[in-house]
Amino acid sequence: MQQSGDLTKVSHGADMCAAPRAQFYFNLPEVQKAFHGNRTSLSYSWKGCYSDKFKFNENDKNRDMLPTLKRLLQQSVHITIFSGDVDALVPAVGTLQHLYKLAEDLNIKSTKEETWSYENKDGGRKYSFGDLLTFFIVKGGDHHVTFSQPSQALYIFTNFTINRIHNDKQ
């Protein structure tokens, strides 16, 4: 399969051209046939849900999220945040410093710092702040952890969801 045009990988871990590559791939006739897609021979191409409607608003790029996190924690909303340890755009150590400051402002103690495992391998570091706030640093994860370490990201999300359901039933 050859893709028209040059789409290049612009970072080591994240493929910034994932959306155009997916669009190209899912419009291939053999792929549509394998997925039982476009069985009615639609006249238009498949497009993902990453349309223009979901583009990042440039005006929000410097918005401080700490006040929002603070309000959520004050309302006892459980929060899990994760970041990759090789994220050069938003370094995990910077996020961790902000979370320590936030916890201090809310008088929440850092209750646990530990290594977490995924499939019997080192998954990274886990920091717990009281019962409400957890921060995971994902080993080998870049700015887009869900692309660079998708299994670990799913593991974190699944455990957050299951723990919330389990704890809410008690």
C-alpha atoms as a PDB file:
ATOM      1  CA  MET A   1       0.000   0.000   0.000  1.00  0.00           C
ATOM      2  CA  GLN A   2       1.433   3.320  -1.023  1.00  0.00           C
ATOM      3  CA  GLN A   3       0.153   6.602   0.284  1.00  0.00           C
ATOM      4  CA  SER A   4       0.030   9.592  -1.994  1.00  0.00           C
ATOM      5  CA  GLY A   5       1.970  12.612  -0.757  1.00  0.00           C
ATOM      6  CA  ASP A   6       4.682  12.692   1.836  1.00  0.00           C
ATOM      7  CA  LEU A   7       3.536  12.358   5.412  1.00  0.00           C
ATOM      8  CA  THR A   8       6.414  12.179   7.813  1.00  0.00           C
ATOM      9  CA  LYS A   9       6.825  11.262  11.418  1.00  0.00           C
ATOM     10  CA  VAL A  10       7.889  14.466  13.139  1.00  0.00           C
ATOM     11  CA  SER A  11       8.761  13.116  16.569  1.00  0.00           C
ATOM     12  CA  HIS A  12      10.304   9.987  17.967  1.00  0.00           C
ATOM     13  CA  GLY A  13       7.219   8.628  19.683  1.00  0.00           C
ATOM     14  CA  ALA A  14       4.135  10.412  18.388  1.00  0.00           C
ATOM     15  CA  ASP A  15       3.042  10.285  14.791  1.00  0.00           C
ATOM     16  CA  MET A  16       1.703  13.784  14.243  1.00  0.00           C
ATOM     17  CA  CYS A  17       0.237  12.591  10.957  1.00  0.00           C
ATOM     18  CA  ALA A  18      -1.851   9.832  12.532  1.00  0.00           C
ATOM     19  CA  ALA A  19      -5.141  11.453  11.495  1.00  0.00           C
ATOM     20  CA  PRO A  20      -4.312  11.761   7.770  1.00  0.00           C
ATOM     21  CA  ARG A  21      -2.769   8.281   7.791  1.00  0.00           C
ATOM     22  CA  ALA A  22      -5.918   6.816   9.371  1.00  0.00           C
ATOM     23  CA  GLN A  23      -8.121   8.629   6.869  1.00  0.00           C
ATOM     24  CA  PHE A  24      -6.030   7.274   3.983  1.00  0.00           C
ATOM     25  CA  TYR A  25      -6.043   3.750   5.438  1.00  0.00           C
ATOM     26  CA  PHE A  26      -9.772   3.538   6.167  1.00  0.00           C
ATOM     27  CA  ASN A  27     -10.603   4.750   2.655  1.00  0.00           C
ATOM     28  CA  LEU A  28      -8.684   1.914   0.985  1.00  0.00           C
ATOM     29  CA  PRO A  29     -11.211  -0.381  -0.726  1.00  0.00           C
ATOM     30  CA  GLU A  30      -9.617  -3.546   0.705  1.00  0.00           C
ATOM     31  CA  VAL A  31      -9.756  -2.121   4.244  1.00  0.00           C
ATOM     32  CA  GLN A  32     -13.376  -1.056   3.855  1.00  0.00           C
ATOM     33  CA  LYS A  33     -14.181  -4.535   2.579  1.00  0.00           C
ATOM     34  CA  ALA A  34     -12.384  -6.191   5.521  1.00  0.00           C
ATOM     35  CA  PHE A  35     -14.291  -3.996   7.999  1.00  0.00           C
ATOM     36  CA  HIS A  36     -17.567  -4.407   6.107  1.00  0.00           C
ATOM     37  CA  GLY A  37     -17.564  -0.642   5.659  1.00  0.00           C
ATOM     38  CA  ASN A  38     -19.074   1.496   2.912  1.00  0.00           C
ATOM     39  CA  ARG A  39     -21.215  -1.396   1.720  1.00  0.00           C
ATOM     40  CA  THR A  40     -23.555   1.035  -0.033  1.00  0.00           C
ATOM     41  CA  SER A  41     -20.803   2.698  -2.120  1.00  0.00           C
ATOM     42  CA  LEU A  42     -21.158   6.148  -0.594  1.00  0.00           C
ATOM     43  CA  SER A  43     -19.930   8.951  -2.834  1.00  0.00           C
ATOM     44  CA  TYR A  44     -17.779  10.573  -0.121  1.00  0.00           C
ATOM     45  CA  SER A  45     -14.700   9.461   1.792  1.00  0.00           C
ATOM     46  CA  TRP A  46     -14.539   8.260   5.363  1.00  0.00           C
ATOM     47  CA  LYS A  47     -13.412  10.903   7.869  1.00  0.00           C
ATOM     48  CA  GLY A  48     -12.518  10.426  11.518  1.00  0.00           C
ATOM     49  CA  CYS A  49     -13.938  12.380  14.421  1.00  0.00           C
ATOM     50  CA  TYR A  50     -10.826  14.573  14.506  1.00  0.00           C
ATOM     51  CA  SER A  51     -12.455  17.206  12.341  1.00  0.00           C
ATOM     52  CA  ASP A  52     -11.992  20.978  12.412  1.00  0.00           C
ATOM     53  CA  LYS A  53     -14.615  21.180  15.153  1.00  0.00           C
ATOM     54  CA  PHE A  54     -12.186  19.603  17.612  1.00  0.00           C
ATOM     55  CA  LYS A  55      -9.160  21.768  16.915  1.00  0.00           C
ATOM     56  CA  PHE A  56      -7.318  23.286  19.828  1.00  0.00           C
ATOM     57  CA  ASN A  57      -8.225  26.904  20.470  1.00  0.00           C
ATOM     58  CA  GLU A  58      -5.002  28.908  20.333  1.00  0.00           C
ATOM     59  CA  ASN A  59      -6.452  31.375  22.877  1.00  0.00           C
ATOM     60  CA  ASP A  60      -6.530  28.597  25.487  1.00  0.00           C
ATOM     61  CA  LYS A  61      -2.914  27.479  25.212  1.00  0.00           C
ATOM     62  CA  ASN A  62      -1.736  29.492  28.215  1.00  0.00           C
ATOM     63  CA  ARG A  63      -4.834  28.921  30.339  1.00  0.00           C
ATOM     64  CA  ASP A  64      -3.970  27.860  33.883  1.00  0.00           C
ATOM     65  CA  MET A  65      -5.849  24.668  34.758  1.00  0.00           C
ATOM     66  CA  LEU A  66      -4.835  24.648  38.430  1.00  0.00           C
ATOM     67  CA  PRO A  67      -7.828  26.767  39.563  1.00  0.00           C
ATOM     68  CA  THR A  68     -10.156  24.315  37.796  1.00  0.00           C
ATOM     69  CA  LEU A  69      -8.426  21.330  39.383  1.00  0.00           C
ATOM     70  CA  LYS A  70      -8.619  23.082  42.754  1.00  0.00           C
ATOM     71  CA  ARG A  71     -12.390  23.632  42.416  1.00  0.00           C
ATOM     72  CA  LEU A  72     -12.932  20.009  41.402  1.00  0.00           C
ATOM     73  CA  LEU A  73     -10.892  18.686  44.315  1.00  0.00           C
ATOM     74  CA  GLN A  74     -12.752  20.987  46.716  1.00  0.00           C
ATOM     75  CA  GLN A  75     -15.947  19.279  45.511  1.00  0.00           C
ATOM     76  CA  SER A  76     -14.393  15.838  46.209  1.00  0.00           C
ATOM     77  CA  VAL A  77     -14.089  14.902  42.533  1.00  0.00           C
ATOM     78  CA  HIS A  78     -11.546  12.114  42.026  1.00  0.00           C
ATOM     79  CA  ILE A  79      -8.859  13.065  39.520  1.00  0.00           C
ATOM     80  CA  THR A  80      -6.182  10.968  37.818  1.00  0.00           C
ATOM     81  CA  ILE A  81      -3.588  12.685  35.643  1.00  0.00           C
ATOM     82  CA  PHE A  82      -0.898  10.974  33.609  1.00  0.00           C
ATOM     83  CA  SER A  83       2.126  12.200  31.721  1.00  0.00           C
ATOM     84  CA  GLY A  84       4.948  10.585  29.789  1.00  0.00           C
ATOM     85  CA  ASP A  85       8.470  10.591  31.161  1.00  0.00           C
ATOM     86  CA  VAL A  86       9.882  11.611  27.769  1.00  0.00           C
ATOM     87  CA  ASP A  87       7.378  14.408  27.142  1.00  0.00           C
ATOM     88  CA  ALA A  88       9.500  17.385  26.135  1.00  0.00           C
ATOM     89  CA  LEU A  89       6.492  19.681  25.691  1.00  0.00           C
ATOM     90  CA  VAL A  90       4.961  19.335  29.171  1.00  0.00           C
ATOM     91  CA  PRO A  91       7.616  17.647  31.336  1.00  0.00           C
ATOM     92  CA  ALA A  92       6.239  15.354  34.034  1.00  0.00           C
ATOM     93  CA  VAL A  93       8.495  16.901  36.674  1.00  0.00           C
ATOM     94  CA  GLY A  94       6.864  20.299  36.060  1.00  0.00           C
ATOM     95  CA  THR A  95       3.374  18.825  36.348  1.00  0.00           C
ATOM     96  CA  LEU A  96       4.410  17.089  39.561  1.00  0.00           C
ATOM     97  CA  GLN A  97       5.705  20.356  41.040  1.00  0.00           C
ATOM     98  CA  HIS A  98       2.376  22.039  40.257  1.00  0.00           C
ATOM     99  CA  LEU A  99       0.456  19.164  41.849  1.00  0.00           C
ATOM    100  CA  TYR A 100       2.572  19.336  45.020  1.00  0.00           C
ATOM    101  CA  LYS A 101       1.817  23.070  45.228  1.00  0.00           C
ATOM    102  CA  LEU A 102      -1.894  22.466  44.592  1.00  0.00           C
ATOM    103  CA  ALA A 103      -1.985  19.778  47.289  1.00  0.00           C
ATOM    104  CA  GLU A 104      -0.223  22.124  49.700  1.00  0.00           C
ATOM    105  CA  ASP A 105      -2.734  24.911  48.964  1.00  0.00           C
ATOM    106  CA  LEU A 106      -5.609  22.507  49.690  1.00  0.00           C
ATOM    107  CA  ASN A 107      -3.888  21.004  52.728  1.00  0.00           C
ATOM    108  CA  ILE A 108      -3.803  17.566  51.072  1.00  0.00           C
ATOM    109  CA  LYS A 109      -0.862  15.407  52.082  1.00  0.00           C
ATOM    110  CA  SER A 110       1.177  13.451  49.589  1.00  0.00           C
ATOM    111  CA  THR A 111       0.257  10.006  50.874  1.00  0.00           C
ATOM    112  CA  LYS A 112       2.157   7.674  48.600  1.00  0.00           C
ATOM    113  CA  GLU A 113       4.942   7.608  46.026  1.00  0.00           C
ATOM    114  CA  GLU A 114       5.616   4.280  44.394  1.00  0.00           C
ATOM    115  CA  THR A 115       6.577   2.402  41.267  1.00  0.00           C
ATOM    116  CA  TRP A 116       3.643   1.000  39.316  1.00  0.00           C
ATOM    117  CA  SER A 117       3.806  -2.041  37.070  1.00  0.00           C
ATOM    118  CA  TYR A 118       2.221  -2.972  33.796  1.00  0.00           C
ATOM    119  CA  GLU A 119       2.450  -6.594  32.598  1.00  0.00           C
ATOM    120  CA  ASN A 120       5.196  -7.306  35.167  1.00  0.00           C
ATOM    121  CA  LYS A 121       7.323  -4.432  33.866  1.00  0.00           C
ATOM    122  CA  ASP A 122       8.136  -1.039  35.328  1.00  0.00           C
ATOM    123  CA  GLY A 123       5.284   1.233  34.228  1.00  0.00           C
ATOM    124  CA  GLY A 124       6.717   4.370  35.816  1.00  0.00           C
ATOM    125  CA  ARG A 125       5.972   6.300  39.015  1.00  0.00           C
ATOM    126  CA  LYS A 126       2.677   6.848  40.809  1.00  0.00           C
ATOM    127  CA  TYR A 127       2.043   9.741  43.191  1.00  0.00           C
ATOM    128  CA  SER A 128      -1.035   9.835  45.415  1.00  0.00           C
ATOM    129  CA  PHE A 129      -2.313  12.953  47.122  1.00  0.00           C
ATOM    130  CA  GLY A 130      -4.910  11.967  49.697  1.00  0.00           C
ATOM    131  CA  ASP A 131      -7.795   9.921  48.312  1.00  0.00           C
ATOM    132  CA  LEU A 132      -8.719  12.289  45.489  1.00  0.00           C
ATOM    133  CA  LEU A 133      -5.689  13.017  43.316  1.00  0.00           C
ATOM    134  CA  THR A 134      -3.357  10.553  41.596  1.00  0.00           C
ATOM    135  CA  PHE A 135      -0.560  11.316  39.146  1.00  0.00           C
ATOM    136  CA  PHE A 136       1.067   8.650  36.978  1.00  0.00           C
ATOM    137  CA  ILE A 137       4.335   9.128  35.138  1.00  0.00           C
ATOM    138  CA  VAL A 138       4.311   6.645  32.244  1.00  0.00           C
ATOM    139  CA  LYS A 139       7.693   5.146  31.414  1.00  0.00           C
ATOM    140  CA  GLY A 140       8.482   5.637  27.724  1.00  0.00           C
ATOM    141  CA  GLY A 141       5.467   7.889  27.237  1.00  0.00           C
ATOM    142  CA  ASP A 142       5.791  11.091  25.253  1.00  0.00           C
ATOM    143  CA  HIS A 143       3.431  14.055  24.948  1.00  0.00           C
ATOM    144  CA  HIS A 144       0.742  11.791  23.507  1.00  0.00           C
ATOM    145  CA  VAL A 145       0.815   8.890  25.983  1.00  0.00           C
ATOM    146  CA  THR A 146      -2.277   7.389  24.381  1.00  0.00           C
ATOM    147  CA  PHE A 147      -0.308   7.033  21.125  1.00  0.00           C
ATOM    148  CA  SER A 148       3.159   6.211  22.486  1.00  0.00           C
ATOM    149  CA  GLN A 149       2.060   3.869  25.307  1.00  0.00           C
ATOM    150  CA  PRO A 150      -1.604   3.073  24.547  1.00  0.00           C
ATOM    151  CA  SER A 151      -1.789  -0.095  26.657  1.00  0.00           C
ATOM    152  CA  GLN A 152      -0.456   1.696  29.722  1.00  0.00           C
ATOM    153  CA  ALA A 153      -2.867   4.610  29.178  1.00  0.00           C
ATOM    154  CA  LEU A 154      -5.786   2.165  28.929  1.00  0.00           C
ATOM    155  CA  TYR A 155      -4.559   0.393  32.077  1.00  0.00           C
ATOM    156  CA  ILE A 156      -4.559   3.701  34.007  1.00  0.00           C
ATOM    157  CA  PHE A 157      -8.005   4.667  32.690  1.00  0.00           C
ATOM    158  CA  THR A 158      -9.479   1.232  33.388  1.00  0.00           C
ATOM    159  CA  ASN A 159      -8.127   1.135  36.932  1.00  0.00           C
ATOM    160  CA  PHE A 160      -9.387   4.663  37.603  1.00  0.00           C
ATOM    161  CA  THR A 161     -12.848   3.703  36.355  1.00  0.00           C
ATOM    162  CA  ILE A 162     -13.018   0.359  38.172  1.00  0.00           C
ATOM    163  CA  ASN A 163     -11.730   1.858  41.426  1.00  0.00           C
ATOM    164  CA  ARG A 164     -14.263   4.687  41.222  1.00  0.00           C
ATOM    165  CA  ILE A 165     -17.127   2.259  40.605  1.00  0.00           C
ATOM    166  CA  HIS A 166     -15.920  -0.052  43.389  1.00  0.00           C
ATOM    167  CA  ASN A 167     -15.363   2.769  45.902  1.00  0.00           C
ATOM    168  CA  ASP A 168     -18.678   4.463  45.107  1.00  0.00           C
ATOM    169  CA  LYS A 169     -20.581   1.224  45.867  1.00  0.00           C
ATOM    170  CA  GLN A 170     -19.085   0.961  49.365  1.00  0.00           C
END
